[in-house]
Amino acid sequence: MDAPSIAHLNNEKFTATRVVHARPDPDKIIDIPCADAFSIIVQLEDFAEHRLWRGRRLSYSGGYRQGSVSLPFMGDELRCQHRASYDNLRFNIPRQTLDEYQAENRGRKIDGFRYEQGAQDRVLYHLAQAMLPALQNPAMANQLFIDHILLAMCAHSIQHYGRIASTAGKFTTTLTPRQERLAKEMIAGNLGNDLSVERVAQECSLSRSHFSRAFKQATGVAPHTWLLQMRVEKAKELLQAQPQLPLAAIAGQCGFSDQPHLTRVFTRMVGTSPSVWRGRQRGAIVLLS
């Protein structure tokens, strides 16, 4: 038997852990620590055989397909047995986090999730996939992005699996011109800092959920995407103004974790790498002169 590969990301609102184990001990039964929290487990690959107990009762025995999800309550005295190789991502969300989300959206508290063991959920699967780069390199992930993933997971899980349906009415909050200007100024002024949605929302006197949706309604993109766009725009300014400045230095000044992070985001948003883009700008200047 070999040891599992574990990647972990801690956040004040939840934790995310990816566990990859090629050769688990098929006879070992694992006691899962009790907590007043819910776990959203997403299978990143097929998982041939698994057993789960709630207390003394065998709750599930079988396999999972890629994209299958489970949403157990961590206070149910869970035990599990991994009888085949697996690769999954586990989001542990305290009950308080879900209660706060429901309060922000004028919804009632949920007492658990109703789901079919082994059912596939493409939305949660794609949200899990979006988290993988942050787990591989936590310094690369900005707090706005992490908040965005959490809000999306809470919204989807509560809407589709929550035992008590939300009583929230239609969302009508929009950003005032002042709020939009304030939010943009805060994000633009913190390109290199770990700015959270909660902090910006507080400055705008809105809840996290309402601010995120209102910001996207006003700008067409989520707050974390707008942050990346601002970082790329600043990178363009430096590439033009300081042709000899190394890309690693530009990455640091623009809030990227390193040069590869700058290159990936810049290429995705602009369609070409920073070095190629700078070369084209130099060529354009030569032609104009």
C-alpha atoms as a PDB file:
ATOM      1  CA  MET A   1       0.000   0.000   0.000  1.00  0.00           C
ATOM      2  CA  ASP A   2       1.218   3.525  -0.735  1.00  0.00           C
ATOM      3  CA  ALA A   3       0.406   6.853   0.888  1.00  0.00           C
ATOM      4  CA  PRO A   4      -2.263   9.102  -0.626  1.00  0.00           C
ATOM      5  CA  SER A   5      -1.404  12.370  -2.353  1.00  0.00           C
ATOM      6  CA  ILE A   6      -3.151  15.229  -0.561  1.00  0.00           C
ATOM      7  CA  ALA A   7      -3.574  18.869  -1.607  1.00  0.00           C
ATOM      8  CA  HIS A   8      -5.254  21.172   0.887  1.00  0.00           C
ATOM      9  CA  LEU A   9      -6.664  24.698   0.787  1.00  0.00           C
ATOM     10  CA  ASN A  10      -7.828  26.421   3.971  1.00  0.00           C
ATOM     11  CA  ASN A  11     -10.321  29.269   3.933  1.00  0.00           C
ATOM     12  CA  GLU A  12     -12.180  30.895   6.808  1.00  0.00           C
ATOM     13  CA  LYS A  13     -15.510  29.823   5.272  1.00  0.00           C
ATOM     14  CA  PHE A  14     -14.638  26.278   4.111  1.00  0.00           C
ATOM     15  CA  THR A  15     -11.809  23.859   3.356  1.00  0.00           C
ATOM     16  CA  ALA A  16     -11.049  22.039   0.116  1.00  0.00           C
ATOM     17  CA  THR A  17      -8.992  18.861  -0.002  1.00  0.00           C
ATOM     18  CA  ARG A  18      -8.038  16.757  -3.004  1.00  0.00           C
ATOM     19  CA  VAL A  19      -7.066  13.177  -2.182  1.00  0.00           C
ATOM     20  CA  VAL A  20      -5.554  10.832  -4.776  1.00  0.00           C
ATOM     21  CA  HIS A  21      -4.827   7.265  -3.706  1.00  0.00           C
ATOM     22  CA  ALA A  22      -3.756   4.641  -6.226  1.00  0.00           C
ATOM     23  CA  ARG A  23      -3.497   1.720  -3.793  1.00  0.00           C
ATOM     24  CA  PRO A  24      -5.549   2.182  -0.607  1.00  0.00           C
ATOM     25  CA  ASP A  25      -5.816  -0.583   1.977  1.00  0.00           C
ATOM     26  CA  PRO A  26      -9.130  -2.255   0.989  1.00  0.00           C
ATOM     27  CA  ASP A  27      -9.690  -3.621   4.503  1.00  0.00           C
ATOM     28  CA  LYS A  28      -9.065  -0.428   6.461  1.00  0.00           C
ATOM     29  CA  ILE A  29     -12.131   1.297   7.921  1.00  0.00           C
ATOM     30  CA  ILE A  30     -11.614   5.022   8.505  1.00  0.00           C
ATOM     31  CA  ASP A  31     -13.396   6.919  11.283  1.00  0.00           C
ATOM     32  CA  ILE A  32     -14.260  10.406  10.033  1.00  0.00           C
ATOM     33  CA  PRO A  33     -14.114  13.131  12.730  1.00  0.00           C
ATOM     34  CA  CYS A  34     -17.530  14.506  13.669  1.00  0.00           C
ATOM     35  CA  ALA A  35     -18.228  18.174  12.981  1.00  0.00           C
ATOM     36  CA  ASP A  36     -21.208  20.483  12.588  1.00  0.00           C
ATOM     37  CA  ALA A  37     -20.500  20.754   8.888  1.00  0.00           C
ATOM     38  CA  PHE A  38     -21.462  19.335   5.515  1.00  0.00           C
ATOM     39  CA  SER A  39     -19.093  17.717   3.064  1.00  0.00           C
ATOM     40  CA  ILE A  40     -19.522  18.021  -0.693  1.00  0.00           C
ATOM     41  CA  ILE A  41     -17.475  15.228  -2.255  1.00  0.00           C
ATOM     42  CA  VAL A  42     -16.902  15.237  -6.014  1.00  0.00           C
ATOM     43  CA  GLN A  43     -15.352  12.239  -7.758  1.00  0.00           C
ATOM     44  CA  LEU A  44     -12.754  13.394 -10.294  1.00  0.00           C
ATOM     45  CA  GLU A  45     -12.263   9.848 -11.628  1.00  0.00           C
ATOM     46  CA  ASP A  46     -14.248   6.610 -11.533  1.00  0.00           C
ATOM     47  CA  PHE A  47     -14.193   5.021  -8.059  1.00  0.00           C
ATOM     48  CA  ALA A  48     -14.894   1.291  -8.385  1.00  0.00           C
ATOM     49  CA  GLU A  49     -15.807   0.320  -4.825  1.00  0.00           C
ATOM     50  CA  HIS A  50     -16.534   2.215  -1.629  1.00  0.00           C
ATOM     51  CA  ARG A  51     -18.435   1.644   1.600  1.00  0.00           C
ATOM     52  CA  LEU A  52     -19.939   4.245   3.915  1.00  0.00           C
ATOM     53  CA  TRP A  53     -21.431   3.765   7.379  1.00  0.00           C
ATOM     54  CA  ARG A  54     -23.602   6.171   9.361  1.00  0.00           C
ATOM     55  CA  GLY A  55     -23.194   5.054  12.931  1.00  0.00           C
ATOM     56  CA  ARG A  56     -23.459   1.259  12.814  1.00  0.00           C
ATOM     57  CA  ARG A  57     -25.616   1.197   9.685  1.00  0.00           C
ATOM     58  CA  LEU A  58     -24.043   0.481   6.304  1.00  0.00           C
ATOM     59  CA  SER A  59     -25.351   3.413   4.255  1.00  0.00           C
ATOM     60  CA  TYR A  60     -23.761   2.688   0.889  1.00  0.00           C
ATOM     61  CA  SER A  61     -21.743  -0.039  -0.801  1.00  0.00           C
ATOM     62  CA  GLY A  62     -20.832   0.373  -4.437  1.00  0.00           C
ATOM     63  CA  GLY A  63     -18.945   2.504  -6.914  1.00  0.00           C
ATOM     64  CA  TYR A  64     -19.066   6.027  -8.273  1.00  0.00           C
ATOM     65  CA  ARG A  65     -18.718   7.346 -11.788  1.00  0.00           C
ATOM     66  CA  GLN A  66     -16.602  10.378 -12.585  1.00  0.00           C
ATOM     67  CA  GLY A  67     -18.631  13.461 -11.677  1.00  0.00           C
ATOM     68  CA  SER A  68     -20.615  11.682  -8.955  1.00  0.00           C
ATOM     69  CA  VAL A  69     -21.286  13.650  -5.780  1.00  0.00           C
ATOM     70  CA  SER A  70     -22.103  12.971  -2.137  1.00  0.00           C
ATOM     71  CA  LEU A  71     -23.250  15.551   0.416  1.00  0.00           C
ATOM     72  CA  PRO A  72     -23.084  13.893   3.855  1.00  0.00           C
ATOM     73  CA  PHE A  73     -23.517  15.629   7.206  1.00  0.00           C
ATOM     74  CA  MET A  74     -20.253  15.342   9.142  1.00  0.00           C
ATOM     75  CA  GLY A  75     -22.062  14.915  12.458  1.00  0.00           C
ATOM     76  CA  ASP A  76     -23.490  11.505  11.504  1.00  0.00           C
ATOM     77  CA  GLU A  77     -20.613   9.416  12.938  1.00  0.00           C
ATOM     78  CA  LEU A  78     -19.357   8.517   9.477  1.00  0.00           C
ATOM     79  CA  ARG A  79     -16.958   5.707   8.682  1.00  0.00           C
ATOM     80  CA  CYS A  80     -15.730   4.729   5.245  1.00  0.00           C
ATOM     81  CA  GLN A  81     -13.760   2.045   3.449  1.00  0.00           C
ATOM     82  CA  HIS A  82     -11.866   2.756   0.229  1.00  0.00           C
ATOM     83  CA  ARG A  83     -11.723  -0.539  -1.659  1.00  0.00           C
ATOM     84  CA  ALA A  84     -10.304   0.774  -4.944  1.00  0.00           C
ATOM     85  CA  SER A  85      -8.179   3.630  -6.261  1.00  0.00           C
ATOM     86  CA  TYR A  86      -9.814   7.045  -6.124  1.00  0.00           C
ATOM     87  CA  ASP A  87      -9.330  10.733  -6.887  1.00  0.00           C
ATOM     88  CA  ASN A  88     -11.791  13.119  -5.311  1.00  0.00           C
ATOM     89  CA  LEU A  89     -12.181  16.680  -4.102  1.00  0.00           C
ATOM     90  CA  ARG A  90     -13.855  17.290  -0.745  1.00  0.00           C
ATOM     91  CA  PHE A  91     -15.345  20.615   0.285  1.00  0.00           C
ATOM     92  CA  ASN A  92     -16.076  20.813   4.016  1.00  0.00           C
ATOM     93  CA  ILE A  93     -18.542  23.628   4.650  1.00  0.00           C
ATOM     94  CA  PRO A  94     -19.501  24.498   8.252  1.00  0.00           C
ATOM     95  CA  ARG A  95     -23.212  24.783   8.959  1.00  0.00           C
ATOM     96  CA  GLN A  96     -22.610  28.423   9.920  1.00  0.00           C
ATOM     97  CA  THR A  97     -21.394  29.204   6.389  1.00  0.00           C
ATOM     98  CA  LEU A  98     -24.586  27.787   4.867  1.00  0.00           C
ATOM     99  CA  ASP A  99     -26.717  29.588   7.466  1.00  0.00           C
ATOM    100  CA  GLU A 100     -24.994  32.875   6.608  1.00  0.00           C
ATOM    101  CA  TYR A 101     -25.607  32.293   2.907  1.00  0.00           C
ATOM    102  CA  GLN A 102     -29.302  31.615   3.520  1.00  0.00           C
ATOM    103  CA  ALA A 103     -29.629  34.697   5.731  1.00  0.00           C
ATOM    104  CA  GLU A 104     -28.049  36.860   3.032  1.00  0.00           C
ATOM    105  CA  ASN A 105     -30.587  35.524   0.526  1.00  0.00           C
ATOM    106  CA  ARG A 106     -33.573  35.740   2.881  1.00  0.00           C
ATOM    107  CA  GLY A 107     -33.868  31.964   2.893  1.00  0.00           C
ATOM    108  CA  ARG A 108     -34.638  29.517   5.683  1.00  0.00           C
ATOM    109  CA  LYS A 109     -31.923  27.411   7.252  1.00  0.00           C
ATOM    110  CA  ILE A 110     -31.436  23.934   5.824  1.00  0.00           C
ATOM    111  CA  ASP A 111     -31.135  20.868   8.035  1.00  0.00           C
ATOM    112  CA  GLY A 112     -29.315  18.728   5.486  1.00  0.00           C
ATOM    113  CA  PHE A 113     -29.157  17.613   1.877  1.00  0.00           C
ATOM    114  CA  ARG A 114     -31.395  15.103   0.114  1.00  0.00           C
ATOM    115  CA  TYR A 115     -29.484  13.280  -2.607  1.00  0.00           C
ATOM    116  CA  GLU A 116     -29.087   9.916  -4.299  1.00  0.00           C
ATOM    117  CA  GLN A 117     -25.740   8.316  -3.460  1.00  0.00           C
ATOM    118  CA  GLY A 118     -23.616   8.147  -6.602  1.00  0.00           C
ATOM    119  CA  ALA A 119     -25.706  10.626  -8.613  1.00  0.00           C
ATOM    120  CA  GLN A 120     -23.749  12.751 -11.072  1.00  0.00           C
ATOM    121  CA  ASP A 121     -23.784  16.547 -10.964  1.00  0.00           C
ATOM    122  CA  ARG A 122     -22.021  18.345 -13.797  1.00  0.00           C
ATOM    123  CA  VAL A 123     -22.242  21.762 -12.127  1.00  0.00           C
ATOM    124  CA  LEU A 124     -20.450  20.658  -8.959  1.00  0.00           C
ATOM    125  CA  TYR A 125     -17.983  18.654 -11.057  1.00  0.00           C
ATOM    126  CA  HIS A 126     -17.012  21.719 -13.098  1.00  0.00           C
ATOM    127  CA  LEU A 127     -16.759  23.874  -9.964  1.00  0.00           C
ATOM    128  CA  ALA A 128     -14.417  21.245  -8.516  1.00  0.00           C
ATOM    129  CA  GLN A 129     -12.344  21.313 -11.707  1.00  0.00           C
ATOM    130  CA  ALA A 130     -12.114  25.099 -11.442  1.00  0.00           C
ATOM    131  CA  MET A 131     -10.628  24.731  -7.950  1.00  0.00           C
ATOM    132  CA  LEU A 132      -7.799  22.381  -8.958  1.00  0.00           C
ATOM    133  CA  PRO A 133      -5.256  25.075  -9.982  1.00  0.00           C
ATOM    134  CA  ALA A 134      -5.787  26.804  -6.621  1.00  0.00           C
ATOM    135  CA  LEU A 135      -5.071  23.540  -4.809  1.00  0.00           C
ATOM    136  CA  GLN A 136      -1.928  22.942  -6.855  1.00  0.00           C
ATOM    137  CA  ASN A 137      -0.657  26.448  -6.136  1.00  0.00           C
ATOM    138  CA  PRO A 138      -2.611  28.266  -3.394  1.00  0.00           C
ATOM    139  CA  ALA A 139      -0.594  31.453  -3.978  1.00  0.00           C
ATOM    140  CA  MET A 140      -2.081  31.645  -7.478  1.00  0.00           C
ATOM    141  CA  ALA A 141      -5.691  31.844  -6.292  1.00  0.00           C
ATOM    142  CA  ASN A 142      -7.113  35.231  -5.404  1.00  0.00           C
ATOM    143  CA  GLN A 143      -9.668  35.489  -2.621  1.00  0.00           C
ATOM    144  CA  LEU A 144     -12.341  36.868  -4.953  1.00  0.00           C
ATOM    145  CA  PHE A 145     -12.137  33.677  -7.013  1.00  0.00           C
ATOM    146  CA  ILE A 146     -12.343  31.442  -3.929  1.00  0.00           C
ATOM    147  CA  ASP A 147     -15.386  33.388  -2.696  1.00  0.00           C
ATOM    148  CA  HIS A 148     -16.988  33.048  -6.135  1.00  0.00           C
ATOM    149  CA  ILE A 149     -16.609  29.257  -6.092  1.00  0.00           C
ATOM    150  CA  LEU A 150     -18.006  29.022  -2.553  1.00  0.00           C
ATOM    151  CA  LEU A 151     -21.075  31.124  -3.359  1.00  0.00           C
ATOM    152  CA  ALA A 152     -21.746  29.106  -6.516  1.00  0.00           C
ATOM    153  CA  MET A 153     -21.460  25.816  -4.624  1.00  0.00           C
ATOM    154  CA  CYS A 154     -23.758  26.995  -1.833  1.00  0.00           C
ATOM    155  CA  ALA A 155     -26.351  28.301  -4.280  1.00  0.00           C
ATOM    156  CA  HIS A 156     -26.405  25.144  -6.395  1.00  0.00           C
ATOM    157  CA  SER A 157     -26.312  22.667  -3.503  1.00  0.00           C
ATOM    158  CA  ILE A 158     -29.049  24.395  -1.510  1.00  0.00           C
ATOM    159  CA  GLN A 159     -31.291  24.878  -4.542  1.00  0.00           C
ATOM    160  CA  HIS A 160     -30.994  21.292  -5.779  1.00  0.00           C
ATOM    161  CA  TYR A 161     -30.467  19.279  -2.590  1.00  0.00           C
ATOM    162  CA  GLY A 162     -31.441  21.402   0.422  1.00  0.00           C
ATOM    163  CA  ARG A 163     -34.195  19.879   2.558  1.00  0.00           C
ATOM    164  CA  ILE A 164     -35.791  23.275   3.138  1.00  0.00           C
ATOM    165  CA  ALA A 165     -36.344  25.403   0.020  1.00  0.00           C
ATOM    166  CA  SER A 166     -35.301  29.037   0.005  1.00  0.00           C
ATOM    167  CA  THR A 167     -38.093  31.575   0.450  1.00  0.00           C
ATOM    168  CA  ALA A 168     -36.073  34.340  -1.173  1.00  0.00           C
ATOM    169  CA  GLY A 169     -37.882  36.496  -3.662  1.00  0.00           C
ATOM    170  CA  LYS A 170     -36.607  37.621  -7.021  1.00  0.00           C
ATOM    171  CA  PHE A 171     -33.201  39.276  -6.820  1.00  0.00           C
ATOM    172  CA  THR A 172     -33.565  42.993  -7.510  1.00  0.00           C
ATOM    173  CA  THR A 173     -30.501  44.606  -5.931  1.00  0.00           C
ATOM    174  CA  THR A 174     -28.311  46.558  -8.335  1.00  0.00           C
ATOM    175  CA  LEU A 175     -25.175  48.584  -7.752  1.00  0.00           C
ATOM    176  CA  THR A 176     -25.555  52.317  -7.606  1.00  0.00           C
ATOM    177  CA  PRO A 177     -23.000  54.289  -9.651  1.00  0.00           C
ATOM    178  CA  ARG A 178     -21.215  55.113  -6.396  1.00  0.00           C
ATOM    179  CA  GLN A 179     -21.120  51.459  -5.306  1.00  0.00           C
ATOM    180  CA  GLU A 180     -19.824  50.331  -8.696  1.00  0.00           C
ATOM    181  CA  ARG A 181     -17.124  53.021  -8.668  1.00  0.00           C
ATOM    182  CA  LEU A 182     -16.133  52.152  -5.086  1.00  0.00           C
ATOM    183  CA  ALA A 183     -15.930  48.419  -5.824  1.00  0.00           C
ATOM    184  CA  LYS A 184     -13.813  48.944  -8.933  1.00  0.00           C
ATOM    185  CA  GLU A 185     -11.491  51.336  -7.112  1.00  0.00           C
ATOM    186  CA  MET A 186     -11.024  48.869  -4.251  1.00  0.00           C
ATOM    187  CA  ILE A 187     -10.222  45.997  -6.594  1.00  0.00           C
ATOM    188  CA  ALA A 188      -7.922  48.091  -8.798  1.00  0.00           C
ATOM    189  CA  GLY A 189      -6.116  49.377  -5.716  1.00  0.00           C
ATOM    190  CA  ASN A 190      -5.527  45.877  -4.349  1.00  0.00           C
ATOM    191  CA  LEU A 191      -4.215  43.969  -7.369  1.00  0.00           C
ATOM    192  CA  GLY A 192      -1.479  42.386  -5.291  1.00  0.00           C
ATOM    193  CA  ASN A 193      -3.493  41.829  -2.115  1.00  0.00           C
ATOM    194  CA  ASP A 194      -5.806  38.994  -1.104  1.00  0.00           C
ATOM    195  CA  LEU A 195      -9.005  41.051  -1.245  1.00  0.00           C
ATOM    196  CA  SER A 196     -12.206  39.202  -0.307  1.00  0.00           C
ATOM    197  CA  VAL A 197     -15.709  39.614  -1.691  1.00  0.00           C
ATOM    198  CA  GLU A 198     -16.934  40.142   1.871  1.00  0.00           C
ATOM    199  CA  ARG A 199     -14.696  43.174   2.391  1.00  0.00           C
ATOM    200  CA  VAL A 200     -15.781  44.862  -0.853  1.00  0.00           C
ATOM    201  CA  ALA A 201     -19.421  44.000  -0.161  1.00  0.00           C
ATOM    202  CA  GLN A 202     -19.205  45.570   3.302  1.00  0.00           C
ATOM    203  CA  GLU A 203     -17.885  48.813   1.800  1.00  0.00           C
ATOM    204  CA  CYS A 204     -20.901  48.789  -0.525  1.00  0.00           C
ATOM    205  CA  SER A 205     -23.290  47.960   2.362  1.00  0.00           C
ATOM    206  CA  LEU A 206     -24.393  44.737   0.650  1.00  0.00           C
ATOM    207  CA  SER A 207     -24.235  41.045   1.493  1.00  0.00           C
ATOM    208  CA  ARG A 208     -21.624  38.920  -0.286  1.00  0.00           C
ATOM    209  CA  SER A 209     -24.198  37.161  -2.460  1.00  0.00           C
ATOM    210  CA  HIS A 210     -26.036  40.327  -3.472  1.00  0.00           C
ATOM    211  CA  PHE A 211     -22.810  42.176  -4.195  1.00  0.00           C
ATOM    212  CA  SER A 212     -21.433  39.373  -6.386  1.00  0.00           C
ATOM    213  CA  ARG A 213     -24.582  39.180  -8.477  1.00  0.00           C
ATOM    214  CA  ALA A 214     -25.043  42.946  -8.649  1.00  0.00           C
ATOM    215  CA  PHE A 215     -21.415  43.434  -9.708  1.00  0.00           C
ATOM    216  CA  LYS A 216     -21.786  40.894 -12.507  1.00  0.00           C
ATOM    217  CA  GLN A 217     -25.053  42.522 -13.535  1.00  0.00           C
ATOM    218  CA  ALA A 218     -23.312  45.906 -13.730  1.00  0.00           C
ATOM    219  CA  THR A 219     -20.053  44.825 -15.404  1.00  0.00           C
ATOM    220  CA  GLY A 220     -20.865  41.581 -17.173  1.00  0.00           C
ATOM    221  CA  VAL A 221     -18.218  39.629 -15.240  1.00  0.00           C
ATOM    222  CA  ALA A 222     -17.719  38.272 -11.722  1.00  0.00           C
ATOM    223  CA  PRO A 223     -15.506  40.283  -9.317  1.00  0.00           C
ATOM    224  CA  HIS A 224     -12.582  37.851  -9.577  1.00  0.00           C
ATOM    225  CA  THR A 225     -12.681  38.014 -13.386  1.00  0.00           C
ATOM    226  CA  TRP A 226     -12.652  41.811 -13.290  1.00  0.00           C
ATOM    227  CA  LEU A 227      -9.634  41.625 -10.964  1.00  0.00           C
ATOM    228  CA  LEU A 228      -7.767  39.446 -13.480  1.00  0.00           C
ATOM    229  CA  GLN A 229      -8.699  41.847 -16.287  1.00  0.00           C
ATOM    230  CA  MET A 230      -7.261  44.757 -14.301  1.00  0.00           C
ATOM    231  CA  ARG A 231      -4.059  42.805 -13.654  1.00  0.00           C
ATOM    232  CA  VAL A 232      -3.703  42.115 -17.367  1.00  0.00           C
ATOM    233  CA  GLU A 233      -4.318  45.785 -18.223  1.00  0.00           C
ATOM    234  CA  LYS A 234      -1.612  46.842 -15.763  1.00  0.00           C
ATOM    235  CA  ALA A 235       0.721  44.247 -17.275  1.00  0.00           C
ATOM    236  CA  LYS A 236       0.098  45.743 -20.718  1.00  0.00           C
ATOM    237  CA  GLU A 237       0.975  49.201 -19.406  1.00  0.00           C
ATOM    238  CA  LEU A 238       4.273  47.945 -17.970  1.00  0.00           C
ATOM    239  CA  LEU A 239       5.099  45.921 -21.088  1.00  0.00           C
ATOM    240  CA  GLN A 240       4.749  49.078 -23.179  1.00  0.00           C
ATOM    241  CA  ALA A 241       6.267  51.603 -20.782  1.00  0.00           C
ATOM    242  CA  GLN A 242       9.255  49.491 -19.676  1.00  0.00           C
ATOM    243  CA  PRO A 243      10.339  47.236 -22.575  1.00  0.00           C
ATOM    244  CA  GLN A 244      13.376  45.918 -20.659  1.00  0.00           C
ATOM    245  CA  LEU A 245      11.513  45.023 -17.468  1.00  0.00           C
ATOM    246  CA  PRO A 246      11.615  41.225 -16.928  1.00  0.00           C
ATOM    247  CA  LEU A 247       8.316  39.369 -17.057  1.00  0.00           C
ATOM    248  CA  ALA A 248       8.893  38.041 -13.539  1.00  0.00           C
ATOM    249  CA  ALA A 249       9.056  41.610 -12.218  1.00  0.00           C
ATOM    250  CA  ILE A 250       5.910  42.560 -14.127  1.00  0.00           C
ATOM    251  CA  ALA A 251       4.123  39.534 -12.674  1.00  0.00           C
ATOM    252  CA  GLY A 252       4.996  40.623  -9.139  1.00  0.00           C
ATOM    253  CA  GLN A 253       3.912  44.226  -9.674  1.00  0.00           C
ATOM    254  CA  CYS A 254       0.570  43.136 -11.140  1.00  0.00           C
ATOM    255  CA  GLY A 255      -0.367  40.693  -8.389  1.00  0.00           C
ATOM    256  CA  PHE A 256       0.364  37.416 -10.186  1.00  0.00           C
ATOM    257  CA  SER A 257       2.012  34.678  -8.137  1.00  0.00           C
ATOM    258  CA  ASP A 258       4.828  34.189 -10.662  1.00  0.00           C
ATOM    259  CA  GLN A 259       5.727  34.564 -14.352  1.00  0.00           C
ATOM    260  CA  PRO A 260       3.935  31.349 -15.481  1.00  0.00           C
ATOM    261  CA  HIS A 261       0.765  32.573 -13.764  1.00  0.00           C
ATOM    262  CA  LEU A 262       1.016  35.889 -15.638  1.00  0.00           C
ATOM    263  CA  THR A 263       1.616  34.081 -18.925  1.00  0.00           C
ATOM    264  CA  ARG A 264      -1.360  31.730 -18.494  1.00  0.00           C
ATOM    265  CA  VAL A 265      -3.866  34.432 -17.577  1.00  0.00           C
ATOM    266  CA  PHE A 266      -2.534  36.950 -20.123  1.00  0.00           C
ATOM    267  CA  THR A 267      -2.602  34.392 -22.942  1.00  0.00           C
ATOM    268  CA  ARG A 268      -6.130  33.279 -22.070  1.00  0.00           C
ATOM    269  CA  MET A 269      -7.491  36.826 -22.003  1.00  0.00           C
ATOM    270  CA  VAL A 270      -5.463  38.476 -24.767  1.00  0.00           C
ATOM    271  CA  GLY A 271      -4.926  35.539 -27.097  1.00  0.00           C
ATOM    272  CA  THR A 272      -1.144  35.763 -27.123  1.00  0.00           C
ATOM    273  CA  SER A 273       1.691  35.582 -24.595  1.00  0.00           C
ATOM    274  CA  PRO A 274       3.098  38.706 -22.873  1.00  0.00           C
ATOM    275  CA  SER A 275       6.443  38.426 -24.694  1.00  0.00           C
ATOM    276  CA  VAL A 276       4.779  38.136 -28.108  1.00  0.00           C
ATOM    277  CA  TRP A 277       2.407  41.001 -27.290  1.00  0.00           C
ATOM    278  CA  ARG A 278       5.339  43.224 -26.240  1.00  0.00           C
ATOM    279  CA  GLY A 279       7.193  42.351 -29.433  1.00  0.00           C
ATOM    280  CA  ARG A 280       4.202  43.380 -31.520  1.00  0.00           C
ATOM    281  CA  GLN A 281       3.955  46.694 -29.687  1.00  0.00           C
ATOM    282  CA  ARG A 282       7.620  47.390 -30.399  1.00  0.00           C
ATOM    283  CA  GLY A 283       7.056  46.562 -34.064  1.00  0.00           C
ATOM    284  CA  ALA A 284       4.097  48.914 -34.246  1.00  0.00           C
ATOM    285  CA  ILE A 285       6.171  51.744 -32.750  1.00  0.00           C
ATOM    286  CA  VAL A 286       8.942  51.165 -35.307  1.00  0.00           C
ATOM    287  CA  LEU A 287       6.454  51.274 -38.177  1.00  0.00           C
ATOM    288  CA  LEU A 288       4.897  54.484 -36.898  1.00  0.00           C
ATOM    289  CA  SER A 289       8.299  56.137 -36.565  1.00  0.00           C
END
